[in-house]
């Protein structure tokens, strides 16, 4: 990386990494992941509850975050609330996949 910076490909190692990650995201078609929005927890909760009603079976919080376009940390906080309130339940299948 230092050689590339010295050769003028980028202004700094940080700049080189930024460009490389941007190019990777573009090629991988993962730009949707980079545009996750932060929304109030109340709005996220409504979205997650609607999502769970329309998607049967086990669902990962990161899948919901990506599909809803909401920051993963917010979706995870909502899921934790729903679990604590008994309005959602952990899937044994998903837990087994995590342990594997």
PDB file of N, CA and C in Angstrom:
ATOM      1  N   UNK A   1       0.825  -1.174   0.000  1.00  0.00           N
ATOM      2  CA  UNK A   1       0.000   0.000   0.000  1.00  0.00           C
ATOM      3  C   UNK A   1       0.879   1.251   0.000  1.00  0.00           C
ATOM      4  N   UNK A   2       1.953   1.190   0.761  1.00  0.00           N
ATOM      5  CA  UNK A   2       2.841   2.351   0.791  1.00  0.00           C
ATOM      6  C   UNK A   2       3.428   2.630  -0.587  1.00  0.00           C
ATOM      7  N   UNK A   3       3.751   1.575  -1.334  1.00  0.00           N
ATOM      8  CA  UNK A   3       4.282   1.763  -2.685  1.00  0.00           C
ATOM      9  C   UNK A   3       3.259   2.444  -3.584  1.00  0.00           C
ATOM     10  N   UNK A   4       2.009   2.040  -3.464  1.00  0.00           N
ATOM     11  CA  UNK A   4       0.959   2.650  -4.280  1.00  0.00           C
ATOM     12  C   UNK A   4       0.782   4.123  -3.938  1.00  0.00           C
ATOM     13  N   UNK A   5       0.844   4.451  -2.654  1.00  0.00           N
ATOM     14  CA  UNK A   5       0.731   5.850  -2.234  1.00  0.00           C
ATOM     15  C   UNK A   5       1.918   6.641  -2.777  1.00  0.00           C
ATOM     16  N   UNK A   6       3.102   6.074  -2.635  1.00  0.00           N
ATOM     17  CA  UNK A   6       4.298   6.766  -3.152  1.00  0.00           C
ATOM     18  C   UNK A   6       4.234   6.945  -4.667  1.00  0.00           C
ATOM     19  N   UNK A   7       3.591   5.997  -5.349  1.00  0.00           N
ATOM     20  CA  UNK A   7       3.471   6.080  -6.810  1.00  0.00           C
ATOM     21  C   UNK A   7       2.378   7.064  -7.239  1.00  0.00           C
ATOM     22  N   UNK A   8       1.625   7.596  -6.265  1.00  0.00           N
ATOM     23  CA  UNK A   8       0.613   8.591  -6.587  1.00  0.00           C
ATOM     24  C   UNK A   8      -0.771   8.034  -6.883  1.00  0.00           C
ATOM     25  N   UNK A   9      -0.968   6.760  -6.635  1.00  0.00           N
ATOM     26  CA  UNK A   9      -2.283   6.165  -6.868  1.00  0.00           C
ATOM     27  C   UNK A   9      -3.321   6.744  -5.908  1.00  0.00           C
ATOM     28  N   UNK A  10      -2.877   7.074  -4.701  1.00  0.00           N
ATOM     29  CA  UNK A  10      -3.764   7.660  -3.696  1.00  0.00           C
ATOM     30  C   UNK A  10      -2.953   8.625  -2.848  1.00  0.00           C
ATOM     31  N   UNK A  11      -3.674   9.533  -2.153  1.00  0.00           N
ATOM     32  CA  UNK A  11      -2.987  10.527  -1.314  1.00  0.00           C
ATOM     33  C   UNK A  11      -2.436   9.926  -0.032  1.00  0.00           C
ATOM     34  N   UNK A  12      -3.105   8.877   0.455  1.00  0.00           N
ATOM     35  CA  UNK A  12      -2.685   8.250   1.710  1.00  0.00           C
ATOM     36  C   UNK A  12      -3.190   6.816   1.724  1.00  0.00           C
ATOM     37  N   UNK A  13      -2.735   6.053   2.699  1.00  0.00           N
ATOM     38  CA  UNK A  13      -3.227   4.679   2.840  1.00  0.00           C
ATOM     39  C   UNK A  13      -4.722   4.698   3.122  1.00  0.00           C
ATOM     40  N   UNK A  14      -5.170   5.628   3.954  1.00  0.00           N
ATOM     41  CA  UNK A  14      -6.606   5.723   4.257  1.00  0.00           C
ATOM     42  C   UNK A  14      -7.399   6.014   2.986  1.00  0.00           C
ATOM     43  N   UNK A  15      -6.886   6.906   2.147  1.00  0.00           N
ATOM     44  CA  UNK A  15      -7.549   7.226   0.890  1.00  0.00           C
ATOM     45  C   UNK A  15      -7.583   5.999  -0.018  1.00  0.00           C
ATOM     46  N   UNK A  16      -6.500   5.265  -0.082  1.00  0.00           N
ATOM     47  CA  UNK A  16      -6.429   4.048  -0.887  1.00  0.00           C
ATOM     48  C   UNK A  16      -7.457   3.022  -0.411  1.00  0.00           C
ATOM     49  N   UNK A  17      -7.561   2.843   0.889  1.00  0.00           N
ATOM     50  CA  UNK A  17      -8.531   1.902   1.447  1.00  0.00           C
ATOM     51  C   UNK A  17      -9.950   2.358   1.120  1.00  0.00           C
ATOM     52  N   UNK A  18     -10.216   3.642   1.266  1.00  0.00           N
ATOM     53  CA  UNK A  18     -11.541   4.189   0.960  1.00  0.00           C
ATOM     54  C   UNK A  18     -11.917   3.920  -0.495  1.00  0.00           C
ATOM     55  N   UNK A  19     -10.990   4.160  -1.400  1.00  0.00           N
ATOM     56  CA  UNK A  19     -11.242   3.930  -2.829  1.00  0.00           C
ATOM     57  C   UNK A  19     -11.447   2.436  -3.088  1.00  0.00           C
ATOM     58  N   UNK A  20     -10.607   1.608  -2.490  1.00  0.00           N
ATOM     59  CA  UNK A  20     -10.706   0.168  -2.709  1.00  0.00           C
ATOM     60  C   UNK A  20     -12.030  -0.391  -2.191  1.00  0.00           C
ATOM     61  N   UNK A  21     -12.441   0.040  -1.029  1.00  0.00           N
ATOM     62  CA  UNK A  21     -13.715  -0.426  -0.473  1.00  0.00           C
ATOM     63  C   UNK A  21     -14.869   0.053  -1.349  1.00  0.00           C
ATOM     64  N   UNK A  22     -14.826   1.288  -1.787  1.00  0.00           N
ATOM     65  CA  UNK A  22     -15.869   1.808  -2.674  1.00  0.00           C
ATOM     66  C   UNK A  22     -15.965   1.005  -3.956  1.00  0.00           C
ATOM     67  N   UNK A  23     -14.833   0.674  -4.530  1.00  0.00           N
ATOM     68  CA  UNK A  23     -14.811  -0.129  -5.753  1.00  0.00           C
ATOM     69  C   UNK A  23     -15.345  -1.532  -5.494  1.00  0.00           C
ATOM     70  N   UNK A  24     -14.962  -2.122  -4.378  1.00  0.00           N
ATOM     71  CA  UNK A  24     -15.466  -3.458  -4.022  1.00  0.00           C
ATOM     72  C   UNK A  24     -16.984  -3.438  -3.860  1.00  0.00           C
ATOM     73  N   UNK A  25     -17.482  -2.454  -3.160  1.00  0.00           N
ATOM     74  CA  UNK A  25     -18.925  -2.338  -2.940  1.00  0.00           C
ATOM     75  C   UNK A  25     -19.643  -2.184  -4.280  1.00  0.00           C
ATOM     76  N   UNK A  26     -19.097  -1.361  -5.143  1.00  0.00           N
ATOM     77  CA  UNK A  26     -19.713  -1.159  -6.458  1.00  0.00           C
ATOM     78  C   UNK A  26     -19.749  -2.458  -7.245  1.00  0.00           C
ATOM     79  N   UNK A  27     -18.634  -3.170  -7.295  1.00  0.00           N
ATOM     80  CA  UNK A  27     -18.565  -4.414  -8.064  1.00  0.00           C
ATOM     81  C   UNK A  27     -19.405  -5.518  -7.441  1.00  0.00           C
ATOM     82  N   UNK A  28     -19.464  -5.564  -6.140  1.00  0.00           N
ATOM     83  CA  UNK A  28     -20.221  -6.617  -5.463  1.00  0.00           C
ATOM     84  C   UNK A  28     -21.720  -6.332  -5.473  1.00  0.00           C
ATOM     85  N   UNK A  29     -22.100  -5.142  -5.899  1.00  0.00           N
ATOM     86  CA  UNK A  29     -23.512  -4.786  -5.903  1.00  0.00           C
ATOM     87  C   UNK A  29     -24.062  -4.610  -4.502  1.00  0.00           C
ATOM     88  N   UNK A  30     -23.192  -4.287  -3.574  1.00  0.00           N
ATOM     89  CA  UNK A  30     -23.592  -4.171  -2.174  1.00  0.00           C
ATOM     90  C   UNK A  30     -23.846  -2.730  -1.771  1.00  0.00           C
ATOM     91  N   UNK A  31     -24.020  -1.845  -2.723  1.00  0.00           N
ATOM     92  CA  UNK A  31     -24.203  -0.439  -2.366  1.00  0.00           C
ATOM     93  C   UNK A  31     -25.431  -0.227  -1.507  1.00  0.00           C
ATOM     94  N   UNK A  32     -26.415  -1.126  -1.632  1.00  0.00           N
ATOM     95  CA  UNK A  32     -27.610  -1.015  -0.801  1.00  0.00           C
ATOM     96  C   UNK A  32     -27.231  -1.079   0.680  1.00  0.00           C
ATOM     97  N   UNK A  33     -26.216  -1.863   0.998  1.00  0.00           N
ATOM     98  CA  UNK A  33     -25.781  -1.987   2.392  1.00  0.00           C
ATOM     99  C   UNK A  33     -25.170  -0.693   2.918  1.00  0.00           C
ATOM    100  N   UNK A  34     -24.639   0.098   2.037  1.00  0.00           N
ATOM    101  CA  UNK A  34     -23.960   1.317   2.447  1.00  0.00           C
ATOM    102  C   UNK A  34     -24.931   2.484   2.643  1.00  0.00           C
ATOM    103  N   UNK A  35     -26.190   2.292   2.274  1.00  0.00           N
ATOM    104  CA  UNK A  35     -27.138   3.381   2.370  1.00  0.00           C
ATOM    105  C   UNK A  35     -28.226   3.105   3.402  1.00  0.00           C
ATOM    106  N   UNK A  36     -27.904   2.316   4.407  1.00  0.00           N
ATOM    107  CA  UNK A  36     -28.875   2.048   5.447  1.00  0.00           C
ATOM    108  C   UNK A  36     -29.165   3.336   6.194  1.00  0.00           C
ATOM    109  N   UNK A  37     -30.425   3.566   6.461  1.00  0.00           N
ATOM    110  CA  UNK A  37     -30.820   4.819   7.093  1.00  0.00           C
ATOM    111  C   UNK A  37     -31.066   4.627   8.579  1.00  0.00           C
ATOM    112  N   UNK A  38     -30.821   5.689   9.298  1.00  0.00           N
ATOM    113  CA  UNK A  38     -31.137   5.689  10.719  1.00  0.00           C
ATOM    114  C   UNK A  38     -32.511   6.310  10.878  1.00  0.00           C
ATOM    115  N   UNK A  39     -33.388   5.596  11.548  1.00  0.00           N
ATOM    116  CA  UNK A  39     -34.753   6.084  11.752  1.00  0.00           C
ATOM    117  C   UNK A  39     -35.054   6.014  13.243  1.00  0.00           C
ATOM    118  N   UNK A  40     -36.050   6.760  13.679  1.00  0.00           N
ATOM    119  CA  UNK A  40     -36.444   6.666  15.090  1.00  0.00           C
ATOM    120  C   UNK A  40     -36.847   5.230  15.426  1.00  0.00           C
ATOM    121  N   UNK A  41     -36.585   4.824  16.643  1.00  0.00           N
ATOM    122  CA  UNK A  41     -36.874   3.459  17.067  1.00  0.00           C
ATOM    123  C   UNK A  41     -38.349   3.115  16.865  1.00  0.00           C
ATOM    124  N   UNK A  42     -39.241   4.091  17.048  1.00  0.00           N
ATOM    125  CA  UNK A  42     -40.672   3.828  16.876  1.00  0.00           C
ATOM    126  C   UNK A  42     -40.997   3.478  15.424  1.00  0.00           C
ATOM    127  N   UNK A  43     -40.384   4.176  14.488  1.00  0.00           N
ATOM    128  CA  UNK A  43     -40.595   3.887  13.065  1.00  0.00           C
ATOM    129  C   UNK A  43     -39.994   2.531  12.708  1.00  0.00           C
ATOM    130  N   UNK A  44     -38.803   2.265  13.238  1.00  0.00           N
ATOM    131  CA  UNK A  44     -38.154   0.980  12.981  1.00  0.00           C
ATOM    132  C   UNK A  44     -38.991  -0.166  13.548  1.00  0.00           C
ATOM    133  N   UNK A  45     -39.553   0.039  14.707  1.00  0.00           N
ATOM    134  CA  UNK A  45     -40.377  -0.999  15.333  1.00  0.00           C
ATOM    135  C   UNK A  45     -41.583  -1.334  14.453  1.00  0.00           C
ATOM    136  N   UNK A  46     -42.262  -0.312  13.958  1.00  0.00           N
ATOM    137  CA  UNK A  46     -43.410  -0.555  13.080  1.00  0.00           C
ATOM    138  C   UNK A  46     -42.982  -1.327  11.833  1.00  0.00           C
ATOM    139  N   UNK A  47     -41.852  -0.940  11.266  1.00  0.00           N
ATOM    140  CA  UNK A  47     -41.350  -1.608  10.058  1.00  0.00           C
ATOM    141  C   UNK A  47     -40.987  -3.062  10.342  1.00  0.00           C
ATOM    142  N   UNK A  48     -40.321  -3.314  11.455  1.00  0.00           N
ATOM    143  CA  UNK A  48     -39.923  -4.677  11.818  1.00  0.00           C
ATOM    144  C   UNK A  48     -41.164  -5.534  12.095  1.00  0.00           C
ATOM    145  N   UNK A  49     -42.127  -4.991  12.810  1.00  0.00           N
ATOM    146  CA  UNK A  49     -43.345  -5.748  13.093  1.00  0.00           C
ATOM    147  C   UNK A  49     -44.076  -6.111  11.799  1.00  0.00           C
ATOM    148  N   UNK A  50     -44.161  -5.161  10.854  1.00  0.00           N
ATOM    149  CA  UNK A  50     -44.790  -5.455   9.552  1.00  0.00           C
ATOM    150  C   UNK A  50     -44.000  -6.533   8.819  1.00  0.00           C
ATOM    151  N   UNK A  51     -42.688  -6.417   8.865  1.00  0.00           N
ATOM    152  CA  UNK A  51     -41.818  -7.371   8.191  1.00  0.00           C
ATOM    153  C   UNK A  51     -42.035  -8.774   8.744  1.00  0.00           C
ATOM    154  N   UNK A  52     -42.073  -8.896  10.064  1.00  0.00           N
ATOM    155  CA  UNK A  52     -42.251 -10.210  10.681  1.00  0.00           C
ATOM    156  C   UNK A  52     -43.613 -10.812  10.347  1.00  0.00           C
ATOM    157  N   UNK A  53     -44.627  -9.978  10.204  1.00  0.00           N
ATOM    158  CA  UNK A  53     -45.964 -10.474   9.853  1.00  0.00           C
ATOM    159  C   UNK A  53     -46.016 -10.993   8.422  1.00  0.00           C
ATOM    160  N   UNK A  54     -45.190 -10.438   7.556  1.00  0.00           N
ATOM    161  CA  UNK A  54     -45.243 -10.818   6.137  1.00  0.00           C
ATOM    162  C   UNK A  54     -44.165 -11.814   5.727  1.00  0.00           C
ATOM    163  N   UNK A  55     -43.271 -12.176   6.625  1.00  0.00           N
ATOM    164  CA  UNK A  55     -42.203 -13.139   6.327  1.00  0.00           C
ATOM    165  C   UNK A  55     -42.272 -14.283   7.337  1.00  0.00           C
ATOM    166  N   UNK A  56     -42.749 -15.408   6.886  1.00  0.00           N
ATOM    167  CA  UNK A  56     -42.866 -16.545   7.799  1.00  0.00           C
ATOM    168  C   UNK A  56     -41.512 -17.225   7.986  1.00  0.00           C
ATOM    169  N   UNK A  57     -41.421 -17.980   9.052  1.00  0.00           N
ATOM    170  CA  UNK A  57     -40.192 -18.703   9.337  1.00  0.00           C
ATOM    171  C   UNK A  57     -39.158 -17.844  10.030  1.00  0.00           C
ATOM    172  N   UNK A  58     -37.974 -18.385  10.125  1.00  0.00           N
ATOM    173  CA  UNK A  58     -36.886 -17.711  10.823  1.00  0.00           C
ATOM    174  C   UNK A  58     -36.306 -16.599   9.954  1.00  0.00           C
ATOM    175  N   UNK A  59     -36.042 -15.462  10.581  1.00  0.00           N
ATOM    176  CA  UNK A  59     -35.484 -14.299   9.883  1.00  0.00           C
ATOM    177  C   UNK A  59     -34.346 -13.736  10.731  1.00  0.00           C
ATOM    178  N   UNK A  60     -33.234 -13.455  10.099  1.00  0.00           N
ATOM    179  CA  UNK A  60     -32.097 -12.831  10.778  1.00  0.00           C
ATOM    180  C   UNK A  60     -32.310 -11.327  10.852  1.00  0.00           C
ATOM    181  N   UNK A  61     -31.883 -10.681  11.944  1.00  0.00           N
ATOM    182  CA  UNK A  61     -31.983  -9.213  12.014  1.00  0.00           C
ATOM    183  C   UNK A  61     -31.236  -8.512  10.880  1.00  0.00           C
ATOM    184  N   UNK A  62     -30.095  -9.051  10.457  1.00  0.00           N
ATOM    185  CA  UNK A  62     -29.364  -8.400   9.372  1.00  0.00           C
ATOM    186  C   UNK A  62     -30.118  -8.500   8.050  1.00  0.00           C
ATOM    187  N   UNK A  63     -30.880  -9.583   7.853  1.00  0.00           N
ATOM    188  CA  UNK A  63     -31.712  -9.697   6.657  1.00  0.00           C
ATOM    189  C   UNK A  63     -32.786  -8.616   6.668  1.00  0.00           C
ATOM    190  N   UNK A  64     -33.409  -8.439   7.830  1.00  0.00           N
ATOM    191  CA  UNK A  64     -34.439  -7.403   7.950  1.00  0.00           C
ATOM    192  C   UNK A  64     -33.839  -6.027   7.711  1.00  0.00           C
ATOM    193  N   UNK A  65     -32.696  -5.770   8.305  1.00  0.00           N
ATOM    194  CA  UNK A  65     -32.048  -4.463   8.159  1.00  0.00           C
ATOM    195  C   UNK A  65     -31.780  -4.166   6.689  1.00  0.00           C
ATOM    196  N   UNK A  66     -31.253  -5.138   5.983  1.00  0.00           N
ATOM    197  CA  UNK A  66     -30.951  -4.939   4.566  1.00  0.00           C
ATOM    198  C   UNK A  66     -32.232  -4.730   3.765  1.00  0.00           C
ATOM    199  N   UNK A  67     -33.220  -5.584   3.974  1.00  0.00           N
ATOM    200  CA  UNK A  67     -34.472  -5.466   3.228  1.00  0.00           C
ATOM    201  C   UNK A  67     -35.208  -4.162   3.526  1.00  0.00           C
ATOM    202  N   UNK A  68     -35.163  -3.727   4.782  1.00  0.00           N
ATOM    203  CA  UNK A  68     -35.867  -2.512   5.183  1.00  0.00           C
ATOM    204  C   UNK A  68     -35.057  -1.245   4.943  1.00  0.00           C
ATOM    205  N   UNK A  69     -33.753  -1.418   4.732  1.00  0.00           N
ATOM    206  CA  UNK A  69     -32.889  -0.253   4.547  1.00  0.00           C
ATOM    207  C   UNK A  69     -32.677   0.532   5.822  1.00  0.00           C
ATOM    208  N   UNK A  70     -32.728  -0.180   6.952  1.00  0.00           N
ATOM    209  CA  UNK A  70     -32.571   0.451   8.266  1.00  0.00           C
ATOM    210  C   UNK A  70     -31.284  -0.064   8.898  1.00  0.00           C
ATOM    211  N   UNK A  71     -30.577   0.822   9.570  1.00  0.00           N
ATOM    212  CA  UNK A  71     -29.328   0.460  10.242  1.00  0.00           C
ATOM    213  C   UNK A  71     -29.517  -0.793  11.099  1.00  0.00           C
ATOM    214  N   UNK A  72     -28.587  -1.729  10.959  1.00  0.00           N
ATOM    215  CA  UNK A  72     -28.654  -3.014  11.663  1.00  0.00           C
ATOM    216  C   UNK A  72     -28.791  -2.844  13.172  1.00  0.00           C
ATOM    217  N   UNK A  73     -28.063  -1.916  13.744  1.00  0.00           N
ATOM    218  CA  UNK A  73     -28.103  -1.740  15.200  1.00  0.00           C
ATOM    219  C   UNK A  73     -29.492  -1.355  15.681  1.00  0.00           C
ATOM    220  N   UNK A  74     -30.194  -0.576  14.882  1.00  0.00           N
ATOM    221  CA  UNK A  74     -31.557  -0.172  15.245  1.00  0.00           C
ATOM    222  C   UNK A  74     -32.491  -1.370  15.156  1.00  0.00           C
ATOM    223  N   UNK A  75     -32.379  -2.134  14.075  1.00  0.00           N
ATOM    224  CA  UNK A  75     -33.216  -3.334  13.915  1.00  0.00           C
ATOM    225  C   UNK A  75     -32.948  -4.307  15.052  1.00  0.00           C
ATOM    226  N   UNK A  76     -31.695  -4.498  15.403  1.00  0.00           N
ATOM    227  CA  UNK A  76     -31.351  -5.417  16.487  1.00  0.00           C
ATOM    228  C   UNK A  76     -31.951  -4.955  17.809  1.00  0.00           C
ATOM    229  N   UNK A  77     -31.928  -3.663  18.078  1.00  0.00           N
ATOM    230  CA  UNK A  77     -32.532  -3.134  19.305  1.00  0.00           C
ATOM    231  C   UNK A  77     -34.027  -3.413  19.331  1.00  0.00           C
ATOM    232  N   UNK A  78     -34.692  -3.248  18.187  1.00  0.00           N
ATOM    233  CA  UNK A  78     -36.127  -3.529  18.102  1.00  0.00           C
ATOM    234  C   UNK A  78     -36.386  -5.010  18.328  1.00  0.00           C
ATOM    235  N   UNK A  79     -35.605  -5.855  17.711  1.00  0.00           N
ATOM    236  CA  UNK A  79     -35.787  -7.305  17.871  1.00  0.00           C
ATOM    237  C   UNK A  79     -35.607  -7.698  19.333  1.00  0.00           C
ATOM    238  N   UNK A  80     -34.620  -7.127  19.981  1.00  0.00           N
ATOM    239  CA  UNK A  80     -34.416  -7.428  21.407  1.00  0.00           C
ATOM    240  C   UNK A  80     -35.635  -7.006  22.236  1.00  0.00           C
ATOM    241  N   UNK A  81     -36.195  -5.832  21.939  1.00  0.00           N
ATOM    242  CA  UNK A  81     -37.401  -5.378  22.637  1.00  0.00           C
ATOM    243  C   UNK A  81     -38.542  -6.369  22.427  1.00  0.00           C
ATOM    244  N   UNK A  82     -38.751  -6.774  21.180  1.00  0.00           N
ATOM    245  CA  UNK A  82     -39.836  -7.696  20.868  1.00  0.00           C
ATOM    246  C   UNK A  82     -39.642  -9.044  21.549  1.00  0.00           C
ATOM    247  N   UNK A  83     -38.402  -9.505  21.641  1.00  0.00           N
ATOM    248  CA  UNK A  83     -38.114 -10.755  22.340  1.00  0.00           C
ATOM    249  C   UNK A  83     -38.441 -10.627  23.828  1.00  0.00           C
ATOM    250  N   UNK A  84     -38.006  -9.521  24.433  1.00  0.00           N
ATOM    251  CA  UNK A  84     -38.266  -9.290  25.857  1.00  0.00           C
ATOM    252  C   UNK A  84     -39.759  -9.191  26.155  1.00  0.00           C
ATOM    253  N   UNK A  85     -40.520  -8.625  25.226  1.00  0.00           N
ATOM    254  CA  UNK A  85     -41.961  -8.459  25.404  1.00  0.00           C
ATOM    255  C   UNK A  85     -42.747  -9.711  25.019  1.00  0.00           C
ATOM    256  N   UNK A  86     -42.054 -10.729  24.524  1.00  0.00           N
ATOM    257  CA  UNK A  86     -42.727 -11.946  24.109  1.00  0.00           C
ATOM    258  C   UNK A  86     -43.475 -11.801  22.790  1.00  0.00           C
ATOM    259  N   UNK A  87     -43.172 -10.763  22.021  1.00  0.00           N
ATOM    260  CA  UNK A  87     -43.844 -10.527  20.747  1.00  0.00           C
ATOM    261  C   UNK A  87     -43.075 -11.130  19.573  1.00  0.00           C
ATOM    262  N   UNK A  88     -41.935 -11.714  19.863  1.00  0.00           N
ATOM    263  CA  UNK A  88     -41.134 -12.433  18.875  1.00  0.00           C
ATOM    264  C   UNK A  88     -40.433 -13.551  19.632  1.00  0.00           C
ATOM    265  N   UNK A  89     -40.002 -14.545  18.897  1.00  0.00           N
ATOM    266  CA  UNK A  89     -39.292 -15.643  19.550  1.00  0.00           C
ATOM    267  C   UNK A  89     -38.087 -16.047  18.715  1.00  0.00           C
ATOM    268  N   UNK A  90     -37.085 -16.570  19.419  1.00  0.00           N
ATOM    269  CA  UNK A  90     -35.892 -17.037  18.730  1.00  0.00           C
ATOM    270  C   UNK A  90     -36.209 -18.347  18.046  1.00  0.00           C
ATOM    271  N   UNK A  91     -35.655 -18.509  16.885  1.00  0.00           N
ATOM    272  CA  UNK A  91     -35.834 -19.737  16.135  1.00  0.00           C
ATOM    273  C   UNK A  91     -34.757 -20.730  16.539  1.00  0.00           C
ATOM    274  N   UNK A  92     -35.167 -21.937  16.877  1.00  0.00           N
ATOM    275  CA  UNK A  92     -34.197 -22.976  17.240  1.00  0.00           C
ATOM    276  C   UNK A  92     -33.278 -23.265  16.064  1.00  0.00           C
ATOM    277  N   UNK A  93     -33.821 -23.221  14.856  1.00  0.00           N
ATOM    278  CA  UNK A  93     -33.020 -23.497  13.665  1.00  0.00           C
ATOM    279  C   UNK A  93     -31.917 -22.460  13.514  1.00  0.00           C
ATOM    280  N   UNK A  94     -32.224 -21.199  13.717  1.00  0.00           N
ATOM    281  CA  UNK A  94     -31.221 -20.140  13.592  1.00  0.00           C
ATOM    282  C   UNK A  94     -30.163 -20.260  14.690  1.00  0.00           C
ATOM    283  N   UNK A  95     -30.591 -20.588  15.895  1.00  0.00           N
ATOM    284  CA  UNK A  95     -29.642 -20.749  16.996  1.00  0.00           C
ATOM    285  C   UNK A  95     -28.695 -21.896  16.695  1.00  0.00           C
ATOM    286  N   UNK A  96     -29.216 -23.003  16.151  1.00  0.00           N
ATOM    287  CA  UNK A  96     -28.373 -24.140  15.794  1.00  0.00           C
ATOM    288  C   UNK A  96     -27.373 -23.750  14.718  1.00  0.00           C
ATOM    289  N   UNK A  97     -27.792 -22.946  13.739  1.00  0.00           N
ATOM    290  CA  UNK A  97     -26.880 -22.506  12.685  1.00  0.00           C
ATOM    291  C   UNK A  97     -25.749 -21.664  13.259  1.00  0.00           C
ATOM    292  N   UNK A  98     -26.032 -20.852  14.250  1.00  0.00           N
ATOM    293  CA  UNK A  98     -25.010 -20.019  14.867  1.00  0.00           C
ATOM    294  C   UNK A  98     -23.972 -20.902  15.567  1.00  0.00           C
ATOM    295  N   UNK A  99     -24.439 -21.938  16.243  1.00  0.00           N
ATOM    296  CA  UNK A  99     -23.538 -22.823  17.000  1.00  0.00           C
ATOM    297  C   UNK A  99     -22.687 -23.673  16.086  1.00  0.00           C
ATOM    298  N   UNK A 100     -23.145 -23.970  14.889  1.00  0.00           N
ATOM    299  CA  UNK A 100     -22.433 -24.856  13.948  1.00  0.00           C
ATOM    300  C   UNK A 100     -21.158 -24.258  13.443  1.00  0.00           C
TER     301      UNK A 100
END
